[in-house]
Amino acid sequence: PGKEREGVSYISRSGMNTEHADSVKGRFTISRDNAKNTVFLQMNSLKP
């Protein structure tokens, strides 16, 4: 709310290359299951 859109996590087609914003690094993990046509974002140690 009241803020601009922010990139959080990115993943390549293969899933081998990923990157996370500094604000979530070490807490969030992006992954994908291409066979299930689904991408995930695991978010741990969440903050307000």
ModelCIF file with pLDDT and N, C-alpha, C, O atoms, coordinates in Angstrom:
data_MODEL
#
_entry.id   MODEL 
#
_entity.id                         1 
_entity.type                       polymer 
_entity.pdbx_number_of_molecules   1 
#
_entity_poly.entity_id                      1 
_entity_poly.type                           'polypeptide(L)' 
_entity_poly.nstd_linkage                   no 
_entity_poly.nstd_monomer                   no 
_entity_poly.pdbx_seq_one_letter_code       PGKEREGVSYISRSGMNTEHADSVKGRFTISRDNAKNTVFLQMNSLKP 
_entity_poly.pdbx_seq_one_letter_code_can   PGKEREGVSYISRSGMNTEHADSVKGRFTISRDNAKNTVFLQMNSLKP 
_entity_poly.pdbx_strand_id                 A 
#
loop_
_entity_poly_seq.entity_id 
_entity_poly_seq.num 
_entity_poly_seq.mon_id 
_entity_poly_seq.hetero 
1 1  PRO n 
1 2  GLY n 
1 3  LYS n 
1 4  GLU n 
1 5  ARG n 
1 6  GLU n 
1 7  GLY n 
1 8  VAL n 
1 9  SER n 
1 10 TYR n 
1 11 ILE n 
1 12 SER n 
1 13 ARG n 
1 14 SER n 
1 15 GLY n 
1 16 MET n 
1 17 ASN n 
1 18 THR n 
1 19 GLU n 
1 20 HIS n 
1 21 ALA n 
1 22 ASP n 
1 23 SER n 
1 24 VAL n 
1 25 LYS n 
1 26 GLY n 
1 27 ARG n 
1 28 PHE n 
1 29 THR n 
1 30 ILE n 
1 31 SER n 
1 32 ARG n 
1 33 ASP n 
1 34 ASN n 
1 35 ALA n 
1 36 LYS n 
1 37 ASN n 
1 38 THR n 
1 39 VAL n 
1 40 PHE n 
1 41 LEU n 
1 42 GLN n 
1 43 MET n 
1 44 ASN n 
1 45 SER n 
1 46 LEU n 
1 47 LYS n 
1 48 PRO n 
#
_struct_asym.id          A 
_struct_asym.entity_id   1 
#
loop_
_ma_qa_metric.id 
_ma_qa_metric.mode 
_ma_qa_metric.name 
_ma_qa_metric.software_group_id 
_ma_qa_metric.type 
1 global pLDDT . pLDDT 
2 local  pLDDT . pLDDT 
#
_ma_qa_metric_global.metric_id      1 
_ma_qa_metric_global.metric_value   96.56 
_ma_qa_metric_global.model_id       1 
_ma_qa_metric_global.ordinal_id     1 
#
loop_
_ma_qa_metric_local.label_asym_id 
_ma_qa_metric_local.label_comp_id 
_ma_qa_metric_local.label_seq_id 
_ma_qa_metric_local.metric_id 
_ma_qa_metric_local.metric_value 
_ma_qa_metric_local.model_id 
_ma_qa_metric_local.ordinal_id 
A PRO 1  2 91.00 1 1  
A GLY 2  2 94.00 1 2  
A LYS 3  2 96.00 1 3  
A GLU 4  2 96.00 1 4  
A ARG 5  2 97.00 1 5  
A GLU 6  2 97.00 1 6  
A GLY 7  2 98.00 1 7  
A VAL 8  2 98.00 1 8  
A SER 9  2 98.00 1 9  
A TYR 10 2 98.00 1 10 
A ILE 11 2 98.00 1 11 
A SER 12 2 97.00 1 12 
A ARG 13 2 95.00 1 13 
A SER 14 2 91.00 1 14 
A GLY 15 2 93.00 1 15 
A MET 16 2 93.00 1 16 
A ASN 17 2 96.00 1 17 
A THR 18 2 97.00 1 18 
A GLU 19 2 97.00 1 19 
A HIS 20 2 98.00 1 20 
A ALA 21 2 98.00 1 21 
A ASP 22 2 97.00 1 22 
A SER 23 2 97.00 1 23 
A VAL 24 2 98.00 1 24 
A LYS 25 2 98.00 1 25 
A GLY 26 2 98.00 1 26 
A ARG 27 2 98.00 1 27 
A PHE 28 2 98.00 1 28 
A THR 29 2 98.00 1 29 
A ILE 30 2 98.00 1 30 
A SER 31 2 98.00 1 31 
A ARG 32 2 97.00 1 32 
A ASP 33 2 96.00 1 33 
A ASN 34 2 93.00 1 34 
A ALA 35 2 92.00 1 35 
A LYS 36 2 94.00 1 36 
A ASN 37 2 94.00 1 37 
A THR 38 2 96.00 1 38 
A VAL 39 2 98.00 1 39 
A PHE 40 2 98.00 1 40 
A LEU 41 2 98.00 1 41 
A GLN 42 2 98.00 1 42 
A MET 43 2 98.00 1 43 
A ASN 44 2 98.00 1 44 
A SER 45 2 98.00 1 45 
A LEU 46 2 98.00 1 46 
A LYS 47 2 98.00 1 47 
A PRO 48 2 97.00 1 48 
#
loop_
_atom_site.group_PDB 
_atom_site.id 
_atom_site.type_symbol 
_atom_site.label_atom_id 
_atom_site.label_alt_id 
_atom_site.label_comp_id 
_atom_site.label_asym_id 
_atom_site.label_entity_id 
_atom_site.label_seq_id 
_atom_site.pdbx_PDB_ins_code 
_atom_site.Cartn_x 
_atom_site.Cartn_y 
_atom_site.Cartn_z 
_atom_site.occupancy 
_atom_site.B_iso_or_equiv 
_atom_site.pdbx_formal_charge 
_atom_site.auth_seq_id 
_atom_site.auth_comp_id 
_atom_site.auth_asym_id 
_atom_site.auth_atom_id 
_atom_site.pdbx_PDB_model_num 
ATOM 1   N N  . PRO A 1 1  ? 0.828  -1.210  0.000   1.00 91.00 ? 1  PRO A N  1 
ATOM 2   C CA . PRO A 1 1  ? 0.000  0.000   0.000   1.00 91.00 ? 1  PRO A CA 1 
ATOM 3   C C  . PRO A 1 1  ? 0.860  1.257   0.000   1.00 91.00 ? 1  PRO A C  1 
ATOM 4   O O  . PRO A 1 1  ? 1.748  1.418   0.837   1.00 91.00 ? 1  PRO A O  1 
ATOM 5   N N  . GLY A 1 2  ? 0.584  2.140   -0.947  1.00 94.00 ? 2  GLY A N  1 
ATOM 6   C CA . GLY A 1 2  ? 1.293  3.404   -1.014  1.00 94.00 ? 2  GLY A CA 1 
ATOM 7   C C  . GLY A 1 2  ? 2.696  3.322   -1.575  1.00 94.00 ? 2  GLY A C  1 
ATOM 8   O O  . GLY A 1 2  ? 3.432  4.308   -1.561  1.00 94.00 ? 2  GLY A O  1 
ATOM 9   N N  . LYS A 1 3  ? 3.070  2.159   -2.066  1.00 96.00 ? 3  LYS A N  1 
ATOM 10  C CA . LYS A 1 3  ? 4.431  1.991   -2.592  1.00 96.00 ? 3  LYS A CA 1 
ATOM 11  C C  . LYS A 1 3  ? 4.392  1.526   -4.044  1.00 96.00 ? 3  LYS A C  1 
ATOM 12  O O  . LYS A 1 3  ? 3.371  1.044   -4.533  1.00 96.00 ? 3  LYS A O  1 
ATOM 13  N N  . GLU A 1 4  ? 5.515  1.682   -4.711  1.00 96.00 ? 4  GLU A N  1 
ATOM 14  C CA . GLU A 1 4  ? 5.608  1.219   -6.087  1.00 96.00 ? 4  GLU A CA 1 
ATOM 15  C C  . GLU A 1 4  ? 5.808  -0.300  -6.130  1.00 96.00 ? 4  GLU A C  1 
ATOM 16  O O  . GLU A 1 4  ? 6.236  -0.932  -5.164  1.00 96.00 ? 4  GLU A O  1 
ATOM 17  N N  . ARG A 1 5  ? 5.480  -0.839  -7.284  1.00 97.00 ? 5  ARG A N  1 
ATOM 18  C CA . ARG A 1 5  ? 5.700  -2.272  -7.477  1.00 97.00 ? 5  ARG A CA 1 
ATOM 19  C C  . ARG A 1 5  ? 7.185  -2.610  -7.357  1.00 97.00 ? 5  ARG A C  1 
ATOM 20  O O  . ARG A 1 5  ? 8.049  -1.867  -7.821  1.00 97.00 ? 5  ARG A O  1 
ATOM 21  N N  . GLU A 1 6  ? 7.450  -3.725  -6.738  1.00 97.00 ? 6  GLU A N  1 
ATOM 22  C CA . GLU A 1 6  ? 8.834  -4.123  -6.448  1.00 97.00 ? 6  GLU A CA 1 
ATOM 23  C C  . GLU A 1 6  ? 9.070  -5.540  -6.937  1.00 97.00 ? 6  GLU A C  1 
ATOM 24  O O  . GLU A 1 6  ? 8.251  -6.428  -6.702  1.00 97.00 ? 6  GLU A O  1 
ATOM 25  N N  . GLY A 1 7  ? 10.187 -5.752  -7.614  1.00 98.00 ? 7  GLY A N  1 
ATOM 26  C CA . GLY A 1 7  ? 10.559 -7.096  -8.005  1.00 98.00 ? 7  GLY A CA 1 
ATOM 27  C C  . GLY A 1 7  ? 11.070 -7.863  -6.812  1.00 98.00 ? 7  GLY A C  1 
ATOM 28  O O  . GLY A 1 7  ? 11.882 -7.350  -6.041  1.00 98.00 ? 7  GLY A O  1 
ATOM 29  N N  . VAL A 1 8  ? 10.604 -9.085  -6.649  1.00 98.00 ? 8  VAL A N  1 
ATOM 30  C CA . VAL A 1 8  ? 10.949 -9.897  -5.482  1.00 98.00 ? 8  VAL A CA 1 
ATOM 31  C C  . VAL A 1 8  ? 11.908 -11.023 -5.856  1.00 98.00 ? 8  VAL A C  1 
ATOM 32  O O  . VAL A 1 8  ? 12.998 -11.139 -5.295  1.00 98.00 ? 8  VAL A O  1 
ATOM 33  N N  . SER A 1 9  ? 11.487 -11.846 -6.808  1.00 98.00 ? 9  SER A N  1 
ATOM 34  C CA . SER A 1 9  ? 12.286 -13.026 -7.150  1.00 98.00 ? 9  SER A CA 1 
ATOM 35  C C  . SER A 1 9  ? 12.108 -13.342 -8.625  1.00 98.00 ? 9  SER A C  1 
ATOM 36  O O  . SER A 1 9  ? 11.070 -13.064 -9.225  1.00 98.00 ? 9  SER A O  1 
ATOM 37  N N  . TYR A 1 10 ? 13.161 -13.936 -9.192  1.00 98.00 ? 10 TYR A N  1 
ATOM 38  C CA . TYR A 1 10 ? 13.177 -14.217 -10.633 1.00 98.00 ? 10 TYR A CA 1 
ATOM 39  C C  . TYR A 1 10 ? 13.737 -15.616 -10.864 1.00 98.00 ? 10 TYR A C  1 
ATOM 40  O O  . TYR A 1 10 ? 14.593 -16.091 -10.118 1.00 98.00 ? 10 TYR A O  1 
ATOM 41  N N  . ILE A 1 11 ? 13.230 -16.270 -11.921 1.00 98.00 ? 11 ILE A N  1 
ATOM 42  C CA . ILE A 1 11 ? 13.723 -17.606 -12.224 1.00 98.00 ? 11 ILE A CA 1 
ATOM 43  C C  . ILE A 1 11 ? 13.738 -17.811 -13.728 1.00 98.00 ? 11 ILE A C  1 
ATOM 44  O O  . ILE A 1 11 ? 12.827 -17.385 -14.439 1.00 98.00 ? 11 ILE A O  1 
ATOM 45  N N  . SER A 1 12 ? 14.781 -18.467 -14.198 1.00 97.00 ? 12 SER A N  1 
ATOM 46  C CA . SER A 1 12 ? 14.929 -18.725 -15.624 1.00 97.00 ? 12 SER A CA 1 
ATOM 47  C C  . SER A 1 12 ? 14.048 -19.877 -16.055 1.00 97.00 ? 12 SER A C  1 
ATOM 48  O O  . SER A 1 12 ? 13.423 -20.546 -15.233 1.00 97.00 ? 12 SER A O  1 
ATOM 49  N N  . ARG A 1 13 ? 14.010 -20.098 -17.350 1.00 95.00 ? 13 ARG A N  1 
ATOM 50  C CA . ARG A 1 13 ? 13.182 -21.180 -17.905 1.00 95.00 ? 13 ARG A CA 1 
ATOM 51  C C  . ARG A 1 13 ? 13.508 -22.524 -17.276 1.00 95.00 ? 13 ARG A C  1 
ATOM 52  O O  . ARG A 1 13 ? 12.619 -23.302 -16.931 1.00 95.00 ? 13 ARG A O  1 
ATOM 53  N N  . SER A 1 14 ? 14.784 -22.774 -17.135 1.00 91.00 ? 14 SER A N  1 
ATOM 54  C CA . SER A 1 14 ? 15.221 -24.080 -16.634 1.00 91.00 ? 14 SER A CA 1 
ATOM 55  C C  . SER A 1 14 ? 15.056 -24.211 -15.133 1.00 91.00 ? 14 SER A C  1 
ATOM 56  O O  . SER A 1 14 ? 14.984 -25.316 -14.596 1.00 91.00 ? 14 SER A O  1 
ATOM 57  N N  . GLY A 1 15 ? 14.998 -23.065 -14.460 1.00 93.00 ? 15 GLY A N  1 
ATOM 58  C CA . GLY A 1 15 ? 14.984 -23.098 -13.005 1.00 93.00 ? 15 GLY A CA 1 
ATOM 59  C C  . GLY A 1 15 ? 16.365 -23.097 -12.389 1.00 93.00 ? 15 GLY A C  1 
ATOM 60  O O  . GLY A 1 15 ? 16.504 -23.024 -11.168 1.00 93.00 ? 15 GLY A O  1 
ATOM 61  N N  . MET A 1 16 ? 17.393 -23.178 -13.225 1.00 93.00 ? 16 MET A N  1 
ATOM 62  C CA . MET A 1 16 ? 18.762 -23.268 -12.701 1.00 93.00 ? 16 MET A CA 1 
ATOM 63  C C  . MET A 1 16 ? 19.266 -21.905 -12.226 1.00 93.00 ? 16 MET A C  1 
ATOM 64  O O  . MET A 1 16 ? 20.130 -21.834 -11.352 1.00 93.00 ? 16 MET A O  1 
ATOM 65  N N  . ASN A 1 17 ? 18.737 -20.838 -12.790 1.00 96.00 ? 17 ASN A N  1 
ATOM 66  C CA . ASN A 1 17 ? 19.176 -19.493 -12.420 1.00 96.00 ? 17 ASN A CA 1 
ATOM 67  C C  . ASN A 1 17 ? 18.055 -18.739 -11.731 1.00 96.00 ? 17 ASN A C  1 
ATOM 68  O O  . ASN A 1 17 ? 16.948 -18.614 -12.254 1.00 96.00 ? 17 ASN A O  1 
ATOM 69  N N  . THR A 1 18 ? 18.368 -18.242 -10.546 1.00 97.00 ? 18 THR A N  1 
ATOM 70  C CA . THR A 1 18 ? 17.396 -17.477 -9.773  1.00 97.00 ? 18 THR A CA 1 
ATOM 71  C C  . THR A 1 18 ? 18.068 -16.268 -9.150  1.00 97.00 ? 18 THR A C  1 
ATOM 72  O O  . THR A 1 18 ? 19.291 -16.200 -9.027  1.00 97.00 ? 18 THR A O  1 
ATOM 73  N N  . GLU A 1 19 ? 17.239 -15.326 -8.764  1.00 97.00 ? 19 GLU A N  1 
ATOM 74  C CA . GLU A 1 19 ? 17.749 -14.148 -8.062  1.00 97.00 ? 19 GLU A CA 1 
ATOM 75  C C  . GLU A 1 19 ? 16.643 -13.614 -7.165  1.00 97.00 ? 19 GLU A C  1 
ATOM 76  O O  . GLU A 1 19 ? 15.458 -13.688 -7.489  1.00 97.00 ? 19 GLU A O  1 
ATOM 77  N N  . HIS A 1 20 ? 17.066 -13.074 -6.027  1.00 98.00 ? 20 HIS A N  1 
ATOM 78  C CA . HIS A 1 20 ? 16.104 -12.510 -5.102  1.00 98.00 ? 20 HIS A CA 1 
ATOM 79  C C  . HIS A 1 20 ? 16.506 -11.084 -4.750  1.00 98.00 ? 20 HIS A C  1 
ATOM 80  O O  . HIS A 1 20 ? 17.694 -10.764 -4.693  1.00 98.00 ? 20 HIS A O  1 
ATOM 81  N N  . ALA A 1 21 ? 15.526 -10.239 -4.518  1.00 98.00 ? 21 ALA A N  1 
ATOM 82  C CA . ALA A 1 21 ? 15.804 -8.883  -4.084  1.00 98.00 ? 21 ALA A CA 1 
ATOM 83  C C  . ALA A 1 21 ? 16.523 -8.915  -2.732  1.00 98.00 ? 21 ALA A C  1 
ATOM 84  O O  . ALA A 1 21 ? 16.336 -9.839  -1.940  1.00 98.00 ? 21 ALA A O  1 
ATOM 85  N N  . ASP A 1 22 ? 17.332 -7.911  -2.486  1.00 97.00 ? 22 ASP A N  1 
ATOM 86  C CA . ASP A 1 22 ? 18.078 -7.859  -1.222  1.00 97.00 ? 22 ASP A CA 1 
ATOM 87  C C  . ASP A 1 22 ? 17.147 -7.910  -0.019  1.00 97.00 ? 22 ASP A C  1 
ATOM 88  O O  . ASP A 1 22 ? 17.499 -8.463  1.023   1.00 97.00 ? 22 ASP A O  1 
ATOM 89  N N  . SER A 1 23 ? 15.965 -7.335  -0.164  1.00 97.00 ? 23 SER A N  1 
ATOM 90  C CA . SER A 1 23 ? 15.028 -7.258  0.956   1.00 97.00 ? 23 SER A CA 1 
ATOM 91  C C  . SER A 1 23 ? 14.491 -8.626  1.371   1.00 97.00 ? 23 SER A C  1 
ATOM 92  O O  . SER A 1 23 ? 13.978 -8.778  2.479   1.00 97.00 ? 23 SER A O  1 
ATOM 93  N N  . VAL A 1 24 ? 14.604 -9.616  0.496   1.00 98.00 ? 24 VAL A N  1 
ATOM 94  C CA . VAL A 1 24 ? 14.054 -10.944 0.818   1.00 98.00 ? 24 VAL A CA 1 
ATOM 95  C C  . VAL A 1 24 ? 15.108 -12.043 0.743   1.00 98.00 ? 24 VAL A C  1 
ATOM 96  O O  . VAL A 1 24 ? 14.813 -13.210 1.004   1.00 98.00 ? 24 VAL A O  1 
ATOM 97  N N  . LYS A 1 25 ? 16.318 -11.677 0.391   1.00 98.00 ? 25 LYS A N  1 
ATOM 98  C CA . LYS A 1 25 ? 17.373 -12.677 0.219   1.00 98.00 ? 25 LYS A CA 1 
ATOM 99  C C  . LYS A 1 25 ? 17.605 -13.427 1.519   1.00 98.00 ? 25 LYS A C  1 
ATOM 100 O O  . LYS A 1 25 ? 17.698 -12.829 2.591   1.00 98.00 ? 25 LYS A O  1 
ATOM 101 N N  . GLY A 1 26 ? 17.695 -14.738 1.407   1.00 98.00 ? 26 GLY A N  1 
ATOM 102 C CA . GLY A 1 26 ? 17.889 -15.572 2.585   1.00 98.00 ? 26 GLY A CA 1 
ATOM 103 C C  . GLY A 1 26 ? 16.593 -15.978 3.257   1.00 98.00 ? 26 GLY A C  1 
ATOM 104 O O  . GLY A 1 26 ? 16.584 -16.856 4.120   1.00 98.00 ? 26 GLY A O  1 
ATOM 105 N N  . ARG A 1 27 ? 15.492 -15.340 2.865   1.00 98.00 ? 27 ARG A N  1 
ATOM 106 C CA . ARG A 1 27 ? 14.189 -15.672 3.458   1.00 98.00 ? 27 ARG A CA 1 
ATOM 107 C C  . ARG A 1 27 ? 13.218 -16.261 2.436   1.00 98.00 ? 27 ARG A C  1 
ATOM 108 O O  . ARG A 1 27 ? 12.402 -17.118 2.775   1.00 98.00 ? 27 ARG A O  1 
ATOM 109 N N  . PHE A 1 28 ? 13.305 -15.806 1.196   1.00 98.00 ? 28 PHE A N  1 
ATOM 110 C CA . PHE A 1 28 ? 12.405 -16.263 0.141   1.00 98.00 ? 28 PHE A CA 1 
ATOM 111 C C  . PHE A 1 28 ? 13.167 -17.156 -0.831  1.00 98.00 ? 28 PHE A C  1 
ATOM 112 O O  . PHE A 1 28 ? 14.359 -16.968 -1.072  1.00 98.00 ? 28 PHE A O  1 
ATOM 113 N N  . THR A 1 29 ? 12.448 -18.134 -1.384  1.00 98.00 ? 29 THR A N  1 
ATOM 114 C CA . THR A 1 29 ? 13.030 -19.015 -2.399  1.00 98.00 ? 29 THR A CA 1 
ATOM 115 C C  . THR A 1 29 ? 12.026 -19.214 -3.521  1.00 98.00 ? 29 THR A C  1 
ATOM 116 O O  . THR A 1 29 ? 10.883 -19.605 -3.284  1.00 98.00 ? 29 THR A O  1 
ATOM 117 N N  . ILE A 1 30 ? 12.457 -18.944 -4.731  1.00 98.00 ? 30 ILE A N  1 
ATOM 118 C CA . ILE A 1 30 ? 11.613 -19.183 -5.897  1.00 98.00 ? 30 ILE A CA 1 
ATOM 119 C C  . ILE A 1 30 ? 12.011 -20.513 -6.518  1.00 98.00 ? 30 ILE A C  1 
ATOM 120 O O  . ILE A 1 30 ? 13.191 -20.857 -6.574  1.00 98.00 ? 30 ILE A O  1 
ATOM 121 N N  . SER A 1 31 ? 11.016 -21.254 -6.980  1.00 98.00 ? 31 SER A N  1 
ATOM 122 C CA . SER A 1 31 ? 11.277 -22.525 -7.644  1.00 98.00 ? 31 SER A CA 1 
ATOM 123 C C  . SER A 1 31 ? 10.159 -22.777 -8.655  1.00 98.00 ? 31 SER A C  1 
ATOM 124 O O  . SER A 1 31 ? 9.157  -22.062 -8.691  1.00 98.00 ? 31 SER A O  1 
ATOM 125 N N  . ARG A 1 32 ? 10.353 -23.792 -9.460  1.00 97.00 ? 32 ARG A N  1 
ATOM 126 C CA . ARG A 1 32 ? 9.335  -24.096 -10.461 1.00 97.00 ? 32 ARG A CA 1 
ATOM 127 C C  . ARG A 1 32 ? 9.268  -25.590 -10.714 1.00 97.00 ? 32 ARG A C  1 
ATOM 128 O O  . ARG A 1 32 ? 10.252 -26.317 -10.577 1.00 97.00 ? 32 ARG A O  1 
ATOM 129 N N  . ASP A 1 33 ? 8.065  -26.024 -11.090 1.00 96.00 ? 33 ASP A N  1 
ATOM 130 C CA . ASP A 1 33 ? 7.847  -27.399 -11.505 1.00 96.00 ? 33 ASP A CA 1 
ATOM 131 C C  . ASP A 1 33 ? 7.220  -27.317 -12.894 1.00 96.00 ? 33 ASP A C  1 
ATOM 132 O O  . ASP A 1 33 ? 6.002  -27.193 -13.026 1.00 96.00 ? 33 ASP A O  1 
ATOM 133 N N  . ASN A 1 34 ? 8.043  -27.386 -13.909 1.00 93.00 ? 34 ASN A N  1 
ATOM 134 C CA . ASN A 1 34 ? 7.545  -27.205 -15.272 1.00 93.00 ? 34 ASN A CA 1 
ATOM 135 C C  . ASN A 1 34 ? 6.560  -28.304 -15.672 1.00 93.00 ? 34 ASN A C  1 
ATOM 136 O O  . ASN A 1 34 ? 5.649  -28.071 -16.466 1.00 93.00 ? 34 ASN A O  1 
ATOM 137 N N  . ALA A 1 35 ? 6.746  -29.485 -15.124 1.00 92.00 ? 35 ALA A N  1 
ATOM 138 C CA . ALA A 1 35 ? 5.833  -30.581 -15.453 1.00 92.00 ? 35 ALA A CA 1 
ATOM 139 C C  . ALA A 1 35 ? 4.419  -30.297 -14.955 1.00 92.00 ? 35 ALA A C  1 
ATOM 140 O O  . ALA A 1 35 ? 3.440  -30.773 -15.529 1.00 92.00 ? 35 ALA A O  1 
ATOM 141 N N  . LYS A 1 36 ? 4.326  -29.518 -13.881 1.00 94.00 ? 36 LYS A N  1 
ATOM 142 C CA . LYS A 1 36 ? 3.032  -29.163 -13.310 1.00 94.00 ? 36 LYS A CA 1 
ATOM 143 C C  . LYS A 1 36 ? 2.612  -27.747 -13.668 1.00 94.00 ? 36 LYS A C  1 
ATOM 144 O O  . LYS A 1 36 ? 1.588  -27.252 -13.196 1.00 94.00 ? 36 LYS A O  1 
ATOM 145 N N  . ASN A 1 37 ? 3.416  -27.096 -14.514 1.00 94.00 ? 37 ASN A N  1 
ATOM 146 C CA . ASN A 1 37 ? 3.100  -25.724 -14.945 1.00 94.00 ? 37 ASN A CA 1 
ATOM 147 C C  . ASN A 1 37 ? 2.868  -24.785 -13.761 1.00 94.00 ? 37 ASN A C  1 
ATOM 148 O O  . ASN A 1 37 ? 1.936  -23.981 -13.760 1.00 94.00 ? 37 ASN A O  1 
ATOM 149 N N  . THR A 1 38 ? 3.725  -24.903 -12.766 1.00 96.00 ? 38 THR A N  1 
ATOM 150 C CA . THR A 1 38 ? 3.543  -24.122 -11.547 1.00 96.00 ? 38 THR A CA 1 
ATOM 151 C C  . THR A 1 38 ? 4.883  -23.560 -11.075 1.00 96.00 ? 38 THR A C  1 
ATOM 152 O O  . THR A 1 38 ? 5.919  -24.220 -11.156 1.00 96.00 ? 38 THR A O  1 
ATOM 153 N N  . VAL A 1 39 ? 4.833  -22.337 -10.585 1.00 98.00 ? 39 VAL A N  1 
ATOM 154 C CA . VAL A 1 39 ? 5.991  -21.693 -9.981  1.00 98.00 ? 39 VAL A CA 1 
ATOM 155 C C  . VAL A 1 39 ? 5.633  -21.383 -8.532  1.00 98.00 ? 39 VAL A C  1 
ATOM 156 O O  . VAL A 1 39 ? 4.489  -21.054 -8.218  1.00 98.00 ? 39 VAL A O  1 
ATOM 157 N N  . PHE A 1 40 ? 6.622  -21.492 -7.662  1.00 98.00 ? 40 PHE A N  1 
ATOM 158 C CA . PHE A 1 40 ? 6.386  -21.322 -6.237  1.00 98.00 ? 40 PHE A CA 1 
ATOM 159 C C  . PHE A 1 40 ? 7.254  -20.193 -5.677  1.00 98.00 ? 40 PHE A C  1 
ATOM 160 O O  . PHE A 1 40 ? 8.313  -19.865 -6.213  1.00 98.00 ? 40 PHE A O  1 
ATOM 161 N N  . LEU A 1 41 ? 6.765  -19.616 -4.584  1.00 98.00 ? 41 LEU A N  1 
ATOM 162 C CA . LEU A 1 41 ? 7.571  -18.683 -3.813  1.00 98.00 ? 41 LEU A CA 1 
ATOM 163 C C  . LEU A 1 41 ? 7.417  -19.069 -2.349  1.00 98.00 ? 41 LEU A C  1 
ATOM 164 O O  . LEU A 1 41 ? 6.381  -18.826 -1.731  1.00 98.00 ? 41 LEU A O  1 
ATOM 165 N N  . GLN A 1 42 ? 8.462  -19.673 -1.811  1.00 98.00 ? 42 GLN A N  1 
ATOM 166 C CA . GLN A 1 42 ? 8.477  -20.036 -0.400  1.00 98.00 ? 42 GLN A CA 1 
ATOM 167 C C  . GLN A 1 42 ? 8.965  -18.839 0.383   1.00 98.00 ? 42 GLN A C  1 
ATOM 168 O O  . GLN A 1 42 ? 10.058 -18.328 0.140   1.00 98.00 ? 42 GLN A O  1 
ATOM 169 N N  . MET A 1 43 ? 8.156  -18.393 1.319   1.00 98.00 ? 43 MET A N  1 
ATOM 170 C CA . MET A 1 43 ? 8.472  -17.192 2.091   1.00 98.00 ? 43 MET A CA 1 
ATOM 171 C C  . MET A 1 43 ? 8.578  -17.569 3.560   1.00 98.00 ? 43 MET A C  1 
ATOM 172 O O  . MET A 1 43 ? 7.597  -17.987 4.176   1.00 98.00 ? 43 MET A O  1 
ATOM 173 N N  . ASN A 1 44 ? 9.758  -17.422 4.108   1.00 98.00 ? 44 ASN A N  1 
ATOM 174 C CA . ASN A 1 44 ? 10.002 -17.731 5.514   1.00 98.00 ? 44 ASN A CA 1 
ATOM 175 C C  . ASN A 1 44 ? 10.395 -16.471 6.267   1.00 98.00 ? 44 ASN A C  1 
ATOM 176 O O  . ASN A 1 44 ? 10.743 -15.456 5.664   1.00 98.00 ? 44 ASN A O  1 
ATOM 177 N N  . SER A 1 45 ? 10.337 -16.548 7.582   1.00 98.00 ? 45 SER A N  1 
ATOM 178 C CA . SER A 1 45 ? 10.724 -15.416 8.439   1.00 98.00 ? 45 SER A CA 1 
ATOM 179 C C  . SER A 1 45 ? 10.071 -14.128 7.980   1.00 98.00 ? 45 SER A C  1 
ATOM 180 O O  . SER A 1 45 ? 10.730 -13.100 7.825   1.00 98.00 ? 45 SER A O  1 
ATOM 181 N N  . LEU A 1 46 ? 8.785  -14.197 7.769   1.00 98.00 ? 46 LEU A N  1 
ATOM 182 C CA . LEU A 1 46 ? 8.069  -13.051 7.226   1.00 98.00 ? 46 LEU A CA 1 
ATOM 183 C C  . LEU A 1 46 ? 8.054  -11.880 8.198   1.00 98.00 ? 46 LEU A C  1 
ATOM 184 O O  . LEU A 1 46 ? 8.010  -12.050 9.417   1.00 98.00 ? 46 LEU A O  1 
ATOM 185 N N  . LYS A 1 47 ? 8.093  -10.693 7.620   1.00 98.00 ? 47 LYS A N  1 
ATOM 186 C CA . LYS A 1 47 ? 8.116  -9.452  8.388   1.00 98.00 ? 47 LYS A CA 1 
ATOM 187 C C  . LYS A 1 47 ? 6.915  -8.589  7.986   1.00 98.00 ? 47 LYS A C  1 
ATOM 188 O O  . LYS A 1 47 ? 6.369  -8.772  6.899   1.00 98.00 ? 47 LYS A O  1 
ATOM 189 N N  . PRO A 1 48 ? 6.506  -7.676  8.825   1.00 97.00 ? 48 PRO A N  1 
ATOM 190 C CA . PRO A 1 48 ? 5.395  -6.788  8.458   1.00 97.00 ? 48 PRO A CA 1 
ATOM 191 C C  . PRO A 1 48 ? 5.636  -6.046  7.146   1.00 97.00 ? 48 PRO A C  1 
ATOM 192 O O  . PRO A 1 48 ? 4.788  -5.266  6.713   1.00 97.00 ? 48 PRO A O  1 
#
